[in-house]
Amino acid sequence: MTENPHVIKQDLVVIRIIDAPVEMVWKAWTDPKHVMRWWGPKDYTSPSAKIDLREGGKFVFSMLAPKEQGGFEHFTAGVYKKVVPLEFLEFTQGLSDKDGNPIDPASVGMPPDFPAEIRTTIEFRPKAKGEMTELVITEYDWTMGQMAVYSYAGLQQSIDKLSESLKK
């Protein structure tokens, strides 16, 4: 299958300042107990998270929709490609079953522009004499369309929840 030259691809980039030091923000991304406090958009919960934090290691995060949105549990899994403690993460991510096996987005009703795998990087930059963290999250090569907009909004909501979780 060849790429359609008329399809516009774009990276989704979110840059946020988190009112917590890098060590705390890093832990929020790399410790399963912390991930479960914030993963997923507004009104979603994360009942489980598994992380093997090493290059080649895998992760599986769950996301439970609220009852009024069907109450379904969804899973995201991926593989860490690069891990630089307290500085940088690079990984793949995509829809999966509960064991982390990839599933075809179309098989669960996602539209054709939903990618099977998304390359993602996160930069953790200390700010304000180390008291704050600038997060730079990039999801590469999204087909521009409704799913990219939903993903961007969901990522923003997740980072709002991450930020709130670090205040507790």
Protein backbone atom coordinates (compact mmCIF):
# COMPACT_ATOMS: atom_id res chain seq x y z
CA MET A 1 0.00 0.00 0.00
CA THR A 2 1.46 3.37 -1.00
CA GLU A 3 1.08 6.65 0.82
CA ASN A 4 -1.44 9.07 -0.67
CA PRO A 5 0.59 12.18 -1.64
CA HIS A 6 -2.44 14.37 -0.96
CA VAL A 7 -2.73 13.33 2.69
CA ILE A 8 -1.38 16.02 4.97
CA LYS A 9 0.65 14.75 7.93
CA GLN A 10 1.50 16.91 10.90
CA ASP A 11 3.17 16.48 14.27
CA LEU A 12 1.09 17.26 17.34
CA VAL A 13 3.18 19.27 19.80
CA VAL A 14 2.15 20.21 23.32
CA ILE A 15 4.41 22.45 25.39
CA ARG A 16 3.39 22.93 29.02
CA ILE A 17 4.96 24.29 32.19
CA ILE A 18 4.24 22.03 35.15
CA ASP A 19 4.53 23.48 38.65
CA ALA A 20 6.73 20.66 39.95
CA PRO A 21 10.42 19.73 39.65
CA VAL A 22 11.60 17.40 36.87
CA GLU A 23 12.01 14.49 39.30
CA MET A 24 8.30 14.57 40.16
CA VAL A 25 7.15 15.01 36.56
CA TRP A 26 9.44 12.19 35.42
CA LYS A 27 7.98 9.92 38.10
CA ALA A 28 4.45 10.87 36.98
CA TRP A 29 5.32 9.48 33.52
CA THR A 30 7.38 6.46 34.58
CA ASP A 31 5.87 5.05 37.80
CA PRO A 32 2.70 2.99 37.19
CA LYS A 33 1.07 4.20 40.45
CA HIS A 34 1.53 7.79 39.33
CA VAL A 35 0.38 7.17 35.73
CA MET A 36 -2.89 5.73 37.08
CA ARG A 37 -3.62 9.09 38.77
CA TRP A 38 -3.81 11.06 35.53
CA TRP A 39 -3.74 8.97 32.33
CA GLY A 40 -6.57 9.72 29.93
CA PRO A 41 -8.72 12.73 29.11
CA LYS A 42 -11.07 14.51 31.49
CA ASP A 43 -13.59 12.24 33.26
CA TYR A 44 -11.64 9.08 32.34
CA THR A 45 -9.79 6.97 34.91
CA SER A 46 -6.84 4.62 34.59
CA PRO A 47 -7.43 1.35 36.48
CA SER A 48 -4.06 -0.17 35.54
CA ALA A 49 -0.61 0.67 34.24
CA LYS A 50 2.39 -1.58 33.59
CA ILE A 51 5.82 -0.14 32.78
CA ASP A 52 9.12 -1.80 31.90
CA LEU A 53 11.18 1.40 31.75
CA ARG A 54 14.17 0.52 29.57
CA GLU A 55 14.98 0.77 25.90
CA GLY A 56 13.05 -2.10 24.32
CA GLY A 57 10.80 -2.34 27.39
CA LYS A 58 7.02 -2.20 27.03
CA PHE A 59 4.18 -0.34 28.72
CA VAL A 60 0.43 -0.95 28.86
CA PHE A 61 -1.92 1.74 30.23
CA SER A 62 -5.67 1.35 30.62
CA MET A 63 -8.25 4.09 30.24
CA LEU A 64 -11.81 3.67 31.49
CA ALA A 65 -14.52 5.83 29.91
CA PRO A 66 -17.18 7.31 32.20
CA LYS A 67 -20.53 5.49 32.23
CA GLU A 68 -22.22 8.24 30.21
CA GLN A 69 -19.65 7.61 27.44
CA GLY A 70 -20.17 3.85 27.44
CA GLY A 71 -17.94 2.82 30.36
CA PHE A 72 -15.57 0.87 28.11
CA GLU A 73 -11.97 0.15 29.07
CA HIS A 74 -9.38 0.86 26.38
CA PHE A 75 -5.69 0.04 26.39
CA THR A 76 -2.65 1.80 24.98
CA ALA A 77 0.66 -0.01 24.68
CA GLY A 78 4.05 0.73 23.26
CA VAL A 79 7.77 0.18 23.36
CA TYR A 80 10.40 2.53 24.78
CA LYS A 81 12.94 3.41 22.05
CA LYS A 82 15.08 5.83 24.07
CA VAL A 83 15.19 6.53 27.81
CA VAL A 84 17.39 9.31 29.21
CA PRO A 85 16.43 9.54 32.91
CA LEU A 86 14.97 12.90 33.95
CA GLU A 87 15.46 14.29 30.41
CA PHE A 88 13.88 12.39 27.53
CA LEU A 89 11.56 9.55 26.55
CA GLU A 90 10.89 8.21 23.08
CA PHE A 91 8.35 5.47 22.54
CA THR A 92 5.75 4.07 20.22
CA GLN A 93 2.12 3.91 21.26
CA GLY A 94 -1.05 2.43 19.84
CA LEU A 95 -4.29 0.74 20.72
CA SER A 96 -3.86 -2.69 22.27
CA ASP A 97 -5.58 -5.45 24.18
CA LYS A 98 -5.10 -5.76 27.96
CA ASP A 99 -1.88 -7.73 27.42
CA GLY A 100 -0.34 -5.05 25.20
CA ASN A 101 -0.84 -6.83 21.88
CA PRO A 102 -1.52 -4.28 19.11
CA ILE A 103 -5.03 -4.11 17.72
CA ASP A 104 -6.13 -2.59 14.44
CA PRO A 105 -7.90 0.72 15.21
CA ALA A 106 -10.54 -0.02 12.52
CA SER A 107 -11.46 -3.26 14.33
CA VAL A 108 -12.72 -1.21 17.29
CA GLY A 109 -14.59 1.34 15.20
CA MET A 110 -11.90 3.99 14.81
CA PRO A 111 -11.92 5.99 11.57
CA PRO A 112 -9.34 5.37 8.82
CA ASP A 113 -7.23 8.39 9.88
CA PHE A 114 -6.51 6.87 13.30
CA PRO A 115 -2.89 5.64 13.24
CA ALA A 116 -1.99 2.09 14.21
CA GLU A 117 1.21 3.36 15.83
CA ILE A 118 2.34 6.81 16.94
CA ARG A 119 5.97 7.72 17.56
CA THR A 120 6.09 9.98 20.62
CA THR A 121 8.82 11.95 22.36
CA ILE A 122 8.77 13.78 25.68
CA GLU A 123 11.38 16.29 26.77
CA PHE A 124 11.63 17.21 30.46
CA ARG A 125 13.30 20.63 30.87
CA PRO A 126 13.95 22.18 34.30
CA LYS A 127 12.68 25.76 34.67
CA ALA A 128 12.54 28.37 37.45
CA LYS A 129 15.73 27.14 39.14
CA GLY A 130 14.48 23.56 39.01
CA GLU A 131 11.16 24.23 40.73
CA MET A 132 9.13 23.80 37.53
CA THR A 133 9.30 21.59 34.45
CA GLU A 134 8.69 22.43 30.83
CA LEU A 135 7.24 19.37 29.09
CA VAL A 136 7.54 19.15 25.32
CA ILE A 137 5.42 16.28 24.01
CA THR A 138 5.48 15.46 20.30
CA GLU A 139 3.31 12.88 18.57
CA TYR A 140 4.65 12.42 15.03
CA ASP A 141 2.94 12.07 11.65
CA TRP A 142 -0.74 12.43 12.42
CA THR A 143 -3.04 12.61 9.41
CA MET A 144 -4.75 15.96 9.76
CA GLY A 145 -8.40 15.36 10.51
CA GLN A 146 -10.90 14.88 13.32
CA MET A 147 -8.91 12.17 15.13
CA ALA A 148 -5.83 14.41 15.34
CA VAL A 149 -7.99 17.15 16.86
CA TYR A 150 -9.45 14.70 19.41
CA SER A 151 -6.00 13.37 20.25
CA TYR A 152 -4.62 16.88 20.76
CA ALA A 153 -7.54 17.80 23.04
CA GLY A 154 -7.21 14.54 24.98
CA LEU A 155 -3.48 15.08 25.43
CA GLN A 156 -4.11 18.60 26.77
CA GLN A 157 -6.73 17.24 29.21
CA SER A 158 -4.36 14.46 30.33
CA ILE A 159 -1.60 16.97 31.04
CA ASP A 160 -4.10 19.09 33.02
CA LYS A 161 -4.78 15.99 35.13
CA LEU A 162 -1.06 15.24 35.46
CA SER A 163 -0.45 18.77 36.70
CA GLU A 164 -3.30 18.50 39.22
CA SER A 165 -2.06 15.11 40.43
CA LEU A 166 1.30 16.64 41.35
CA LYS A 167 -0.36 19.25 43.58
CA LYS A 168 -1.74 16.55 45.89
